[in-house]
Amino acid sequence: MSTTGLFVVAYFVSAGVELLLAGTALRYRDSAATWWFVVLTVLSGIWAFFTGVAVLGFSAETTTAATVAGLVVSTILPVVWARFVGEYLGLRLTQRPRAIAALSVVPVVTIGTILTNPLFQAAWTDASVVSRSGLAVTTFAFSPWIFVQFLYTNLVFLAGIVVIFRSVRDYEHIYERQAAAMLLGASIPLAAGFVSFTDAAPIADLDYIPMVLWLSGLCFAYALFESRFLDIDLSHRRIGEQKVIEGFEDGVVVVDKTGHVLSLNERAATLFDVERRAVFGTPIEEVVPDFPVDEDGHANYVGSDGRRYDVVRSTFEDRRGRHIGESFVFRDVTLREVQRQRLEVLNRVLRHNVRNEMNVVTGYADLIGDDAAASDDTHAFAARIREAATRLVSLGEKARTVETVFTEDEAVVTDVSVRTVAEETAQTILARHEHANVTVTVSPGIDIKTDRQVLKSVLDELVENAIVHYSDGDVPQVEIRAVIDDSADHEVLVVEVEDDGDGIPEMERRVVDSESEDELRHGSGVGLWLVQWGTMVLGGEVEFDDTDEGALVRLRIPRRSVAHTRGGVREEDMAGSNQEYF
């Protein structure tokens, strides 16, 4: 077969392969991308067929008509290619009517100029059929607009290739061999188009693009069948992601790396009073008034209706670690904030009033106890009243400590000398209980990185708790010990507070161990809860043991801080306590 004959066969083989590929792709017609892929391959096959008919040279009229028909078909291909890529990747931009209309402007104008060329000669001013190496070729004196169409076709096709491979890189849903096949298949027509318009063409004026479309078809066939190209449909992933976002009760906004809105759910659209379609591509600062998120990714936001929201930012990266976007979740915390404010007000008012009233009660109890004429029973009753009032005032002070320590937003982590903190605890407790004996057995060189105030509050409470559970008449003996345990993967500070008293009441220990309270098992105070919460903030754990002489409490705290935010104690732990503190 002559070289000329091979050219003719190439056109018809290309047409056959494209149509065969289209028919095979219909097996996967459950995807919108598949339908556009079928349209793309069918049009490519028709273009190759018309070009093959044209070069056979049955007549000048047939050659010209077939060439013009192929030109019209090729004009439609950029729009179909863009739709296919958009459906495959789930890109909403190419699915919008305005975007489709914009993509169609140049092809529609081109087709109009071709169909009306006999009247206006807006597409070409002259056309003639010539023989090139035995092939019939139509040569045109194209108008400038046709060159605009050629440029437009190449740019749209190239843009589709870029978008596909950016998504391949970001989502990792297409294998490397599949990506190589897609790249080769998309590059072949571009290379053929370059040859057609340069002096490198072996036969001048011949359109080489339809001739090699069968090679592109084979590459796409490999990606389609061997690598299951259309089975791995990124639009499904995007649809799934969108469904998850829509299911959130919180407002969700997704932006690209430049801060322009890519998506937001219905809750966010309602919150910011915007139309979802209208804000696509808009800077988030224009969508969210006084955009609040700081560098740490957390902030508060107050809506136009006065409701309060916690805002959490998350960043997205591709597989190469490059920043590609962010999401912002707006969680309505209005009810929680109102409840917190109510509790704070009630806590302060009640604690203040109880302290004042208990001072009055204590004063009257002292008067009764000092009355020489009162009976011994009356004096005993007065002493019990004084003790009860003192305990209640102490309970209020502990509640104030909890409020002061655990309402700070951030843990204050510094280098802490454990011996210094332990000695300060001993001094604080001895100032309240002069009859007690508190010893500190801690080496001077034991330092840790942690929240000093929280550690001090926990030690104060443990030593205080040990002293108040002594029987009347006994001299409390309490020892604070601390060592570094380096047997684990990370060094741990072990602090032990041991006494020879009556130990911690079983009721209170069970309540703290279970992390909840109810009416049948109600502890007498907040001291052990303070220890539990404080240890949790420090990232450690607490153990309670009985010894032959008394009680032992052991704290295990990481030497290098993993301290949580002070207000970051789990809500279920806080909610588990219905202590009646003020």
Protein backbone atom coordinates (compact mmCIF):
# COMPACT_ATOMS: atom_id res chain seq x y z
CA MET A 1 0.00 0.00 0.00
CA SER A 2 1.28 3.44 -0.91
CA THR A 3 1.97 6.16 1.60
CA THR A 4 -1.08 8.01 0.28
CA GLY A 5 -3.23 4.96 0.92
CA LEU A 6 -1.93 4.74 4.49
CA PHE A 7 -3.08 8.31 5.11
CA VAL A 8 -6.58 7.47 3.90
CA VAL A 9 -6.73 4.30 5.99
CA ALA A 10 -5.51 6.24 9.02
CA TYR A 11 -8.52 8.55 8.85
CA PHE A 12 -11.05 5.72 8.68
CA VAL A 13 -9.25 3.61 11.30
CA SER A 14 -9.30 6.65 13.56
CA ALA A 15 -13.03 7.03 12.99
CA GLY A 16 -13.65 3.34 13.67
CA VAL A 17 -11.58 3.26 16.86
CA GLU A 18 -13.31 6.36 18.21
CA LEU A 19 -16.79 4.96 17.53
CA LEU A 20 -15.80 1.58 19.01
CA LEU A 21 -14.48 3.33 22.08
CA ALA A 22 -17.73 5.28 22.40
CA GLY A 23 -19.78 2.09 22.22
CA THR A 24 -17.64 0.39 24.84
CA ALA A 25 -17.84 3.40 27.16
CA LEU A 26 -21.64 3.11 27.18
CA ARG A 27 -21.18 0.16 29.53
CA TYR A 28 -20.38 2.76 32.19
CA ARG A 29 -23.27 5.07 31.39
CA ASP A 30 -24.23 5.54 35.06
CA SER A 31 -21.87 8.53 35.14
CA ALA A 32 -22.52 11.93 33.57
CA ALA A 33 -18.85 12.04 32.65
CA THR A 34 -19.32 8.87 30.61
CA TRP A 35 -22.02 10.46 28.47
CA TRP A 36 -19.80 13.43 27.68
CA PHE A 37 -16.92 11.07 26.95
CA VAL A 38 -19.16 9.24 24.47
CA VAL A 39 -20.13 12.53 22.81
CA LEU A 40 -16.47 13.53 22.63
CA THR A 41 -15.37 10.29 20.97
CA VAL A 42 -18.34 10.17 18.58
CA LEU A 43 -17.65 13.70 17.37
CA SER A 44 -13.96 12.87 17.00
CA GLY A 45 -14.89 9.81 14.94
CA ILE A 46 -17.23 11.84 12.73
CA TRP A 47 -14.53 14.44 12.17
CA ALA A 48 -12.06 11.72 11.13
CA PHE A 49 -14.66 10.13 8.85
CA PHE A 50 -15.48 13.40 7.05
CA THR A 51 -11.78 14.13 6.58
CA GLY A 52 -11.24 10.66 5.13
CA VAL A 53 -14.09 11.18 2.68
CA ALA A 54 -12.68 14.58 1.73
CA VAL A 55 -9.19 13.32 0.83
CA LEU A 56 -10.57 10.52 -1.37
CA GLY A 57 -11.43 13.22 -3.88
CA PHE A 58 -14.70 11.87 -5.33
CA SER A 59 -15.40 15.38 -6.58
CA ALA A 60 -14.42 18.92 -5.74
CA GLU A 61 -17.85 19.56 -4.27
CA THR A 62 -17.67 16.42 -2.09
CA THR A 63 -14.19 17.28 -0.86
CA THR A 64 -15.17 20.82 0.05
CA ALA A 65 -18.45 19.80 1.70
CA ALA A 66 -16.79 17.03 3.75
CA THR A 67 -13.99 19.36 4.81
CA VAL A 68 -16.46 22.05 5.92
CA ALA A 69 -18.52 19.43 7.81
CA GLY A 70 -15.37 18.28 9.62
CA LEU A 71 -14.53 21.88 10.42
CA VAL A 72 -17.97 22.41 11.99
CA VAL A 73 -17.61 19.25 14.10
CA SER A 74 -14.13 20.25 15.29
CA THR A 75 -15.54 23.62 16.33
CA ILE A 76 -17.92 21.91 18.79
CA LEU A 77 -15.23 19.76 20.41
CA PRO A 78 -13.82 22.38 22.85
CA VAL A 79 -17.19 22.77 24.59
CA VAL A 80 -17.68 18.99 24.79
CA TRP A 81 -14.14 18.52 26.09
CA ALA A 82 -14.69 21.14 28.81
CA ARG A 83 -17.97 19.52 29.86
CA PHE A 84 -16.37 16.09 30.02
CA VAL A 85 -13.52 17.32 32.19
CA GLY A 86 -15.93 19.27 34.39
CA GLU A 87 -18.24 16.30 34.94
CA TYR A 88 -15.37 13.94 35.59
CA LEU A 89 -13.80 16.21 38.19
CA GLY A 90 -17.09 17.46 39.60
CA LEU A 91 -16.28 21.08 38.77
CA ARG A 92 -19.40 23.14 39.29
CA LEU A 93 -18.00 26.01 37.24
CA THR A 94 -18.32 24.11 33.94
CA GLN A 95 -21.81 22.90 34.91
CA ARG A 96 -23.30 26.35 35.36
CA PRO A 97 -25.45 27.75 32.54
CA ARG A 98 -23.48 30.99 32.41
CA ALA A 99 -20.17 29.15 32.14
CA ILE A 100 -21.53 26.88 29.41
CA ALA A 101 -22.85 29.90 27.54
CA ALA A 102 -19.49 31.64 27.84
CA LEU A 103 -17.68 28.55 26.55
CA SER A 104 -20.07 28.36 23.62
CA VAL A 105 -19.73 31.95 22.40
CA VAL A 106 -16.69 31.44 20.15
CA PRO A 107 -17.88 28.12 18.64
CA VAL A 108 -21.38 29.48 17.97
CA VAL A 109 -19.99 32.55 16.24
CA THR A 110 -17.62 30.36 14.22
CA ILE A 111 -20.38 28.00 13.10
CA GLY A 112 -22.48 31.02 12.17
CA THR A 113 -19.69 32.44 10.02
CA ILE A 114 -19.19 29.06 8.32
CA LEU A 115 -22.87 28.54 7.53
CA THR A 116 -23.29 32.10 6.26
CA ASN A 117 -19.96 32.26 4.44
CA PRO A 118 -21.57 32.16 0.97
CA LEU A 119 -23.30 35.42 1.89
CA PHE A 120 -20.73 37.29 3.97
CA GLN A 121 -17.42 35.46 3.49
CA ALA A 122 -16.71 35.93 7.19
CA ALA A 123 -15.00 32.51 7.54
CA TRP A 124 -12.89 32.40 4.38
CA THR A 125 -12.66 34.46 1.25
CA ASP A 126 -11.60 31.69 -1.10
CA ALA A 127 -11.58 27.87 -1.18
CA SER A 128 -10.12 25.58 -3.80
CA VAL A 129 -9.47 21.85 -4.10
CA VAL A 130 -5.91 20.84 -4.96
CA SER A 131 -4.07 17.54 -5.18
CA ARG A 132 -1.33 16.89 -2.69
CA SER A 133 0.55 13.59 -3.27
CA GLY A 134 -2.59 12.07 -4.70
CA LEU A 135 -4.87 13.32 -1.91
CA ALA A 136 -7.62 15.87 -2.46
CA VAL A 137 -7.12 18.81 -0.13
CA THR A 138 -9.22 21.94 0.22
CA THR A 139 -7.19 25.08 0.75
CA PHE A 140 -8.84 28.08 2.39
CA ALA A 141 -8.03 31.74 2.62
CA PHE A 142 -9.25 31.93 6.20
CA SER A 143 -10.47 35.13 7.79
CA PRO A 144 -8.88 36.25 11.10
CA TRP A 145 -11.86 34.91 13.06
CA ILE A 146 -11.11 31.30 12.11
CA PHE A 147 -7.63 31.70 13.58
CA VAL A 148 -9.30 32.93 16.76
CA GLN A 149 -11.28 29.68 16.75
CA PHE A 150 -8.10 27.62 16.28
CA LEU A 151 -6.42 29.41 19.19
CA TYR A 152 -9.52 29.01 21.36
CA THR A 153 -9.68 25.26 20.66
CA ASN A 154 -6.08 24.70 21.65
CA LEU A 155 -6.35 26.81 24.81
CA VAL A 156 -9.51 25.04 26.04
CA PHE A 157 -8.02 21.63 25.33
CA LEU A 158 -4.77 22.54 27.07
CA ALA A 159 -6.66 23.97 30.07
CA GLY A 160 -8.55 20.69 30.42
CA ILE A 161 -5.30 18.76 30.50
CA VAL A 162 -3.90 21.04 33.20
CA VAL A 163 -7.02 20.75 35.34
CA ILE A 164 -7.09 16.96 35.07
CA PHE A 165 -3.52 16.56 36.18
CA ARG A 166 -3.78 19.05 38.99
CA SER A 167 -6.66 16.99 40.33
CA VAL A 168 -4.72 13.77 39.80
CA ARG A 169 -1.88 15.22 41.83
CA ASP A 170 -4.14 16.48 44.60
CA TYR A 171 -6.51 13.55 44.98
CA GLU A 172 -4.27 10.56 44.19
CA HIS A 173 -7.27 8.80 42.59
CA ILE A 174 -5.61 8.05 39.28
CA TYR A 175 -2.61 5.76 38.96
CA GLU A 176 0.63 6.97 37.43
CA ARG A 177 0.28 4.78 34.32
CA GLN A 178 -3.26 6.02 33.86
CA ALA A 179 -2.04 9.60 34.16
CA ALA A 180 0.68 8.93 31.59
CA ALA A 181 -1.89 7.47 29.18
CA MET A 182 -4.14 10.50 29.63
CA LEU A 183 -1.23 12.86 29.06
CA LEU A 184 -0.08 11.06 25.93
CA GLY A 185 -3.61 10.78 24.52
CA ALA A 186 -4.28 14.48 25.07
CA SER A 187 -0.90 15.57 23.72
CA ILE A 188 -1.13 13.70 20.40
CA PRO A 189 -3.85 15.97 18.85
CA LEU A 190 -2.00 19.06 20.06
CA ALA A 191 1.21 17.86 18.42
CA ALA A 192 -0.65 16.98 15.21
CA GLY A 193 -2.22 20.41 15.16
CA PHE A 194 1.20 22.00 15.49
CA VAL A 195 2.46 19.93 12.53
CA SER A 196 -0.56 20.89 10.43
CA PHE A 197 0.22 24.58 10.69
CA THR A 198 4.00 24.44 10.18
CA ASP A 199 6.40 23.57 7.39
CA ALA A 200 7.14 20.29 9.16
CA ALA A 201 4.09 18.68 7.53
CA PRO A 202 5.05 16.07 4.90
CA ILE A 203 1.97 17.00 2.86
CA ALA A 204 1.00 20.65 2.93
CA ASP A 205 -2.56 21.75 3.74
CA LEU A 206 -3.48 18.30 5.09
CA ASP A 207 -5.28 18.14 8.46
CA TYR A 208 -3.30 15.64 10.53
CA ILE A 209 -5.39 15.90 13.72
CA PRO A 210 -8.23 13.53 12.68
CA MET A 211 -5.65 11.12 11.28
CA VAL A 212 -4.04 10.49 14.69
CA LEU A 213 -7.18 10.59 16.80
CA TRP A 214 -7.14 6.78 16.80
CA LEU A 215 -3.84 6.92 18.72
CA SER A 216 -5.46 9.17 21.29
CA GLY A 217 -8.36 6.74 21.35
CA LEU A 218 -6.03 3.85 22.18
CA CYS A 219 -4.45 5.84 25.01
CA PHE A 220 -7.85 6.73 26.41
CA ALA A 221 -8.91 3.09 25.95
CA TYR A 222 -5.99 1.97 28.08
CA ALA A 223 -6.93 4.47 30.76
CA LEU A 224 -10.57 3.44 30.46
CA PHE A 225 -10.30 -0.34 30.51
CA GLU A 226 -6.94 -1.21 32.03
CA SER A 227 -6.98 1.42 34.78
CA ARG A 228 -10.76 1.73 35.07
CA PHE A 229 -10.68 5.42 34.15
CA LEU A 230 -14.39 6.14 34.39
CA ASP A 231 -14.86 3.91 37.43
CA ILE A 232 -12.62 6.28 39.36
CA ASP A 233 -14.85 9.29 39.02
CA LEU A 234 -13.65 12.25 41.06
CA SER A 235 -17.09 13.83 40.82
CA HIS A 236 -18.40 11.03 43.04
CA ARG A 237 -15.86 11.94 45.66
CA ARG A 238 -16.78 15.61 45.44
CA ILE A 239 -20.49 14.80 45.61
CA GLY A 240 -19.83 12.63 48.66
CA GLU A 241 -17.87 15.44 50.30
CA GLN A 242 -20.70 17.86 49.55
CA LYS A 243 -23.27 15.51 51.08
CA VAL A 244 -21.21 15.27 54.25
CA ILE A 245 -20.94 19.06 54.45
CA GLU A 246 -24.68 19.46 53.90
CA GLY A 247 -25.31 17.02 56.75
CA PHE A 248 -23.53 19.26 59.26
CA GLU A 249 -25.68 21.22 61.67
CA ASP A 250 -22.82 23.72 61.84
CA GLY A 251 -22.06 26.29 59.18
CA VAL A 252 -19.21 25.16 56.92
CA VAL A 253 -17.27 27.33 54.44
CA VAL A 254 -14.53 25.93 52.17
CA VAL A 255 -12.03 28.27 50.51
CA ASP A 256 -9.07 27.83 48.19
CA LYS A 257 -5.51 28.76 49.08
CA THR A 258 -6.16 32.40 48.16
CA GLY A 259 -9.16 32.66 50.48
CA HIS A 260 -11.86 32.60 47.80
CA VAL A 261 -15.03 30.65 48.58
CA LEU A 262 -15.32 27.27 46.87
CA SER A 263 -18.30 25.91 48.77
CA LEU A 264 -20.56 26.54 51.73
CA ASN A 265 -23.47 24.59 53.10
CA GLU A 266 -27.04 25.79 53.55
CA ARG A 267 -26.51 26.51 57.26
CA ALA A 268 -23.62 28.88 56.47
CA ALA A 269 -25.60 30.57 53.69
CA THR A 270 -28.43 31.22 56.15
CA LEU A 271 -26.02 32.45 58.82
CA PHE A 272 -24.40 35.01 56.52
CA ASP A 273 -27.59 35.77 54.57
CA VAL A 274 -26.08 35.07 51.15
CA GLU A 275 -26.97 33.16 48.01
CA ARG A 276 -24.72 30.13 47.72
CA ARG A 277 -24.17 30.46 43.97
CA ALA A 278 -23.59 34.19 44.18
CA VAL A 279 -20.63 33.95 46.58
CA PHE A 280 -18.66 31.36 44.63
CA GLY A 281 -15.17 32.77 44.05
CA THR A 282 -15.76 35.67 46.45
CA PRO A 283 -13.12 36.45 49.13
CA ILE A 284 -14.31 35.07 52.45
CA GLU A 285 -13.82 38.47 54.09
CA GLU A 286 -16.64 39.77 51.88
CA VAL A 287 -18.92 36.86 52.81
CA VAL A 288 -18.22 36.85 56.56
CA PRO A 289 -18.33 40.36 58.05
CA ASP A 290 -15.40 41.07 60.42
CA PHE A 291 -13.85 37.71 59.63
CA PRO A 292 -12.57 36.61 63.03
CA VAL A 293 -10.16 33.66 62.75
CA ASP A 294 -6.70 34.20 64.23
CA GLU A 295 -3.42 32.50 63.38
CA ASP A 296 -4.13 29.60 65.76
CA GLY A 297 -7.28 28.73 63.84
CA HIS A 298 -9.76 29.45 66.64
CA ALA A 299 -11.94 32.47 67.25
CA ASN A 300 -15.40 33.63 68.21
CA TYR A 301 -17.96 35.18 65.90
CA VAL A 302 -21.15 37.07 66.73
CA GLY A 303 -23.85 36.91 64.06
CA SER A 304 -26.09 39.77 63.04
CA ASP A 305 -28.84 38.24 65.19
CA GLY A 306 -26.62 38.26 68.27
CA ARG A 307 -25.96 34.52 68.36
CA ARG A 308 -22.43 33.44 69.25
CA TYR A 309 -20.30 30.97 67.28
CA ASP A 310 -17.04 29.16 67.85
CA VAL A 311 -14.98 29.17 64.65
CA VAL A 312 -12.47 26.40 63.90
CA ARG A 313 -10.18 26.46 60.88
CA SER A 314 -8.70 23.37 59.22
CA THR A 315 -6.19 23.42 56.38
CA PHE A 316 -5.99 21.11 53.36
CA GLU A 317 -2.78 19.90 51.75
CA ASP A 318 -2.08 17.81 48.70
CA ARG A 319 0.08 14.71 48.84
CA ARG A 320 3.19 16.84 48.42
CA GLY A 321 2.36 18.87 51.50
CA ARG A 322 1.38 22.00 49.60
CA HIS A 323 -1.38 24.19 50.99
CA ILE A 324 -4.44 24.00 48.71
CA GLY A 325 -7.30 25.33 50.83
CA GLU A 326 -9.06 25.68 54.16
CA SER A 327 -12.39 24.97 55.81
CA PHE A 328 -14.10 27.00 58.51
CA VAL A 329 -16.70 25.49 60.83
CA PHE A 330 -19.06 27.89 62.62
CA ARG A 331 -20.60 26.15 65.66
CA ASP A 332 -23.49 27.82 67.45
CA VAL A 333 -22.54 28.05 71.15
CA THR A 334 -25.14 30.62 72.16
CA LEU A 335 -26.95 28.31 74.57
CA ARG A 336 -23.70 27.13 76.11
CA GLU A 337 -22.51 30.70 76.61
CA VAL A 338 -25.82 31.74 78.17
CA GLN A 339 -25.70 28.77 80.53
CA ARG A 340 -22.10 29.54 81.42
CA GLN A 341 -22.95 33.16 82.19
CA ARG A 342 -25.89 32.09 84.34
CA LEU A 343 -23.71 29.68 86.29
CA GLU A 344 -21.02 32.33 86.78
CA VAL A 345 -23.56 34.82 88.09
CA LEU A 346 -25.23 32.29 90.38
CA ASN A 347 -21.86 31.00 91.53
CA ARG A 348 -20.57 34.43 92.50
CA VAL A 349 -23.80 35.66 94.05
CA LEU A 350 -24.42 32.53 96.07
CA ARG A 351 -20.80 32.20 97.17
CA HIS A 352 -20.72 35.83 98.27
CA ASN A 353 -24.04 35.58 100.10
CA VAL A 354 -23.22 32.26 101.72
CA ARG A 355 -19.86 33.56 102.95
CA ASN A 356 -21.52 36.61 104.48
CA GLU A 357 -24.34 34.63 106.03
CA MET A 358 -21.95 31.98 107.35
CA ASN A 359 -19.89 34.72 109.00
CA VAL A 360 -23.07 35.80 110.76
CA VAL A 361 -23.82 32.22 111.77
CA THR A 362 -20.26 31.75 113.04
CA GLY A 363 -20.51 34.98 115.04
CA TYR A 364 -23.72 33.87 116.75
CA ALA A 365 -22.23 30.43 117.37
CA ASP A 366 -19.27 32.11 119.09
CA LEU A 367 -21.62 34.16 121.26
CA ILE A 368 -23.51 31.05 122.27
CA GLY A 369 -20.31 29.13 122.93
CA ASP A 370 -18.94 31.95 125.08
CA ASP A 371 -22.10 32.16 127.18
CA ALA A 372 -21.08 30.80 130.57
CA ALA A 373 -24.70 30.32 131.55
CA ALA A 374 -25.38 27.97 128.64
CA SER A 375 -25.45 24.25 129.22
CA ASP A 376 -22.77 21.83 128.03
CA ASP A 377 -25.12 20.58 125.33
CA THR A 378 -25.62 24.14 124.11
CA HIS A 379 -21.86 24.66 123.95
CA ALA A 380 -21.52 21.41 121.96
CA PHE A 381 -24.25 22.47 119.57
CA ALA A 382 -22.54 25.85 119.09
CA ALA A 383 -19.24 24.12 118.29
CA ARG A 384 -20.92 21.90 115.71
CA ILE A 385 -22.60 24.96 114.15
CA ARG A 386 -19.24 26.72 113.97
CA GLU A 387 -17.57 23.70 112.36
CA ALA A 388 -20.35 23.31 109.81
CA ALA A 389 -20.21 26.99 108.91
CA THR A 390 -16.42 26.86 108.59
CA ARG A 391 -16.66 23.85 106.27
CA LEU A 392 -19.23 25.61 104.12
CA VAL A 393 -17.08 28.74 103.83
CA SER A 394 -14.09 26.53 102.94
CA LEU A 395 -16.20 24.81 100.29
CA GLY A 396 -17.01 28.16 98.75
CA GLU A 397 -13.33 29.10 98.68
CA LYS A 398 -12.50 25.86 96.89
CA ALA A 399 -15.20 26.60 94.37
CA ARG A 400 -13.62 30.00 93.84
CA THR A 401 -10.27 28.31 93.25
CA VAL A 402 -11.87 26.07 90.64
CA GLU A 403 -13.42 29.08 88.94
CA THR A 404 -10.16 31.05 89.01
CA VAL A 405 -7.90 28.25 87.79
CA PHE A 406 -10.07 26.49 85.23
CA THR A 407 -11.75 29.40 83.45
CA GLU A 408 -8.49 30.58 81.83
CA ASP A 409 -8.43 29.89 78.11
CA GLU A 410 -4.80 28.81 77.90
CA ALA A 411 -2.52 26.79 80.14
CA VAL A 412 0.50 28.88 81.21
CA VAL A 413 3.43 26.53 80.68
CA THR A 414 6.77 27.47 82.27
CA ASP A 415 9.82 25.82 83.81
CA VAL A 416 8.75 24.81 87.31
CA SER A 417 10.88 23.77 90.30
CA VAL A 418 8.89 20.98 91.94
CA ARG A 419 10.67 21.45 95.27
CA THR A 420 9.80 25.16 95.33
CA VAL A 421 6.13 24.49 94.59
CA ALA A 422 5.99 21.75 97.24
CA GLU A 423 7.56 24.05 99.86
CA GLU A 424 5.08 26.82 98.99
CA THR A 425 2.25 24.32 99.43
CA ALA A 426 3.60 23.34 102.85
CA GLN A 427 3.76 27.00 103.90
CA THR A 428 0.23 27.69 102.63
CA ILE A 429 -1.28 24.73 104.51
CA LEU A 430 0.66 25.33 107.73
CA ALA A 431 -0.63 28.90 107.78
CA ARG A 432 -4.16 27.43 107.97
CA HIS A 433 -3.39 24.43 110.19
CA GLU A 434 -0.64 25.37 112.62
CA HIS A 435 -0.95 22.08 114.50
CA ALA A 436 -0.06 19.98 111.40
CA ASN A 437 3.33 18.69 110.35
CA VAL A 438 4.08 18.85 106.62
CA THR A 439 7.45 17.66 105.31
CA VAL A 440 8.88 17.98 101.80
CA THR A 441 11.16 15.28 100.39
CA VAL A 442 12.04 16.55 96.92
CA SER A 443 15.49 16.93 95.40
CA PRO A 444 16.31 20.53 94.35
CA GLY A 445 17.14 19.55 90.76
CA ILE A 446 13.71 18.22 89.79
CA ASP A 447 12.27 20.67 87.24
CA ILE A 448 9.41 20.18 84.80
CA LYS A 449 7.63 22.17 82.10
CA THR A 450 4.01 22.57 83.14
CA ASP A 451 1.32 24.97 84.39
CA ARG A 452 2.61 26.12 87.77
CA GLN A 453 -0.67 27.50 89.12
CA VAL A 454 -2.58 24.32 88.36
CA LEU A 455 0.13 22.11 89.90
CA LYS A 456 0.19 24.28 93.05
CA SER A 457 -3.62 24.16 93.37
CA VAL A 458 -3.61 20.35 93.08
CA LEU A 459 -0.88 19.93 95.72
CA ASP A 460 -2.61 22.40 98.06
CA GLU A 461 -5.82 20.44 97.84
CA LEU A 462 -4.17 17.05 98.38
CA VAL A 463 -2.33 18.19 101.51
CA GLU A 464 -5.37 20.07 102.82
CA ASN A 465 -7.55 17.03 102.19
CA ALA A 466 -5.12 14.81 104.10
CA ILE A 467 -5.18 17.08 107.14
CA VAL A 468 -8.95 17.58 107.40
CA HIS A 469 -9.58 13.82 107.47
CA TYR A 470 -7.63 13.30 110.69
CA SER A 471 -9.42 12.28 113.87
CA ASP A 472 -9.78 14.96 116.52
CA GLY A 473 -6.78 15.24 118.81
CA ASP A 474 -4.26 13.72 116.42
CA VAL A 475 -1.34 15.69 114.99
CA PRO A 476 -1.51 15.40 111.18
CA GLN A 477 1.67 14.04 109.59
CA VAL A 478 1.83 14.66 105.84
CA GLU A 479 4.78 14.10 103.51
CA ILE A 480 5.22 15.38 99.93
CA ARG A 481 7.62 13.32 97.79
CA ALA A 482 8.61 13.66 94.13
CA VAL A 483 10.87 11.71 91.77
CA ILE A 484 11.39 11.45 88.02
CA ASP A 485 10.42 8.13 86.43
CA ASP A 486 12.45 7.61 83.24
CA SER A 487 11.51 3.97 82.68
CA ALA A 488 8.81 4.85 80.13
CA ASP A 489 9.23 6.36 76.66
CA HIS A 490 8.83 9.84 78.13
CA GLU A 491 10.04 11.09 81.51
CA VAL A 492 7.25 11.36 84.07
CA LEU A 493 7.12 13.29 87.32
CA VAL A 494 5.74 11.13 90.14
CA VAL A 495 4.43 13.12 93.11
CA GLU A 496 3.20 11.29 96.23
CA VAL A 497 1.29 12.83 99.12
CA GLU A 498 1.16 10.40 102.05
CA ASP A 499 -0.42 10.79 105.48
CA ASP A 500 -1.02 8.65 108.55
CA GLY A 501 -4.58 9.79 109.08
CA ASP A 502 -7.98 8.26 108.50
CA GLY A 503 -7.68 8.33 104.71
CA ILE A 504 -10.05 9.63 102.06
CA PRO A 505 -13.69 8.64 102.63
CA GLU A 506 -14.68 5.75 100.36
CA MET A 507 -17.79 7.60 99.18
CA GLU A 508 -15.80 10.53 97.77
CA ARG A 509 -13.22 8.24 96.13
CA ARG A 510 -15.92 6.21 94.40
CA VAL A 511 -17.58 9.35 93.12
CA VAL A 512 -14.35 10.68 91.57
CA ASP A 513 -13.32 7.28 90.21
CA SER A 514 -16.68 6.96 88.44
CA GLU A 515 -16.41 10.56 87.13
CA SER A 516 -20.07 11.18 87.96
CA GLU A 517 -22.41 11.81 90.84
CA ASP A 518 -26.02 11.12 91.60
CA GLU A 519 -28.34 11.68 94.53
CA LEU A 520 -27.50 8.31 96.14
CA ARG A 521 -23.74 8.75 95.87
CA HIS A 522 -23.05 12.39 96.59
CA GLY A 523 -19.63 13.55 97.76
CA SER A 524 -19.23 16.24 100.36
CA GLY A 525 -17.14 18.73 98.40
CA VAL A 526 -15.18 19.75 95.33
CA GLY A 527 -11.67 19.08 96.60
CA LEU A 528 -11.13 15.77 94.87
CA TRP A 529 -12.81 17.07 91.74
CA LEU A 530 -10.28 19.92 91.73
CA VAL A 531 -7.49 17.33 91.92
CA GLN A 532 -9.06 15.26 89.14
CA TRP A 533 -9.61 18.21 86.80
CA GLY A 534 -6.23 19.77 87.55
CA THR A 535 -4.35 16.55 86.85
CA MET A 536 -6.27 16.20 83.60
CA VAL A 537 -5.26 19.72 82.54
CA LEU A 538 -1.62 18.82 83.25
CA GLY A 539 -1.96 15.79 81.00
CA GLY A 540 -1.43 13.35 83.88
CA GLU A 541 -3.32 10.89 86.03
CA VAL A 542 -4.06 10.44 89.74
CA GLU A 543 -4.21 7.27 91.87
CA PHE A 544 -5.63 6.77 95.37
CA ASP A 545 -4.24 4.02 97.62
CA ASP A 546 -4.58 2.97 101.25
CA THR A 547 -1.50 2.18 103.33
CA ASP A 548 -1.08 0.53 106.72
CA GLU A 549 -0.66 3.96 108.31
CA GLY A 550 -3.10 6.05 106.28
CA ALA A 551 -3.59 7.15 102.67
CA LEU A 552 -1.37 7.70 99.63
CA VAL A 553 -2.23 9.81 96.60
CA ARG A 554 0.06 9.51 93.57
CA LEU A 555 0.23 11.96 90.66
CA ARG A 556 1.94 11.04 87.38
CA ILE A 557 2.59 14.11 85.21
CA PRO A 558 4.63 14.34 81.96
CA ARG A 559 7.91 16.12 82.58
CA ARG A 560 7.55 17.94 79.26
CA SER A 561 4.21 19.65 79.16
CA VAL A 562 1.25 18.23 77.31
CA ALA A 563 -0.96 20.61 79.28
CA HIS A 564 -4.39 21.19 77.81
CA THR A 565 -6.18 24.52 77.83
CA ARG A 566 -7.47 25.12 81.34
CA GLY A 567 -10.94 25.48 79.98
CA GLY A 568 -10.37 22.38 77.87
CA VAL A 569 -11.41 19.88 80.52
CA ARG A 570 -13.85 17.54 78.83
CA GLU A 571 -17.44 18.67 79.05
CA GLU A 572 -18.56 15.18 80.09
CA ASP A 573 -16.17 15.32 83.06
CA MET A 574 -17.48 18.69 84.14
CA ALA A 575 -21.07 17.69 83.50
CA GLY A 576 -20.56 14.53 85.53
CA SER A 577 -20.33 16.55 88.73
CA ASN A 578 -23.46 18.03 90.24
CA GLN A 579 -21.58 19.19 93.33
CA GLU A 580 -23.45 21.78 95.35
CA TYR A 581 -20.63 24.30 95.48
CA PHE A 582 -21.04 28.04 95.43
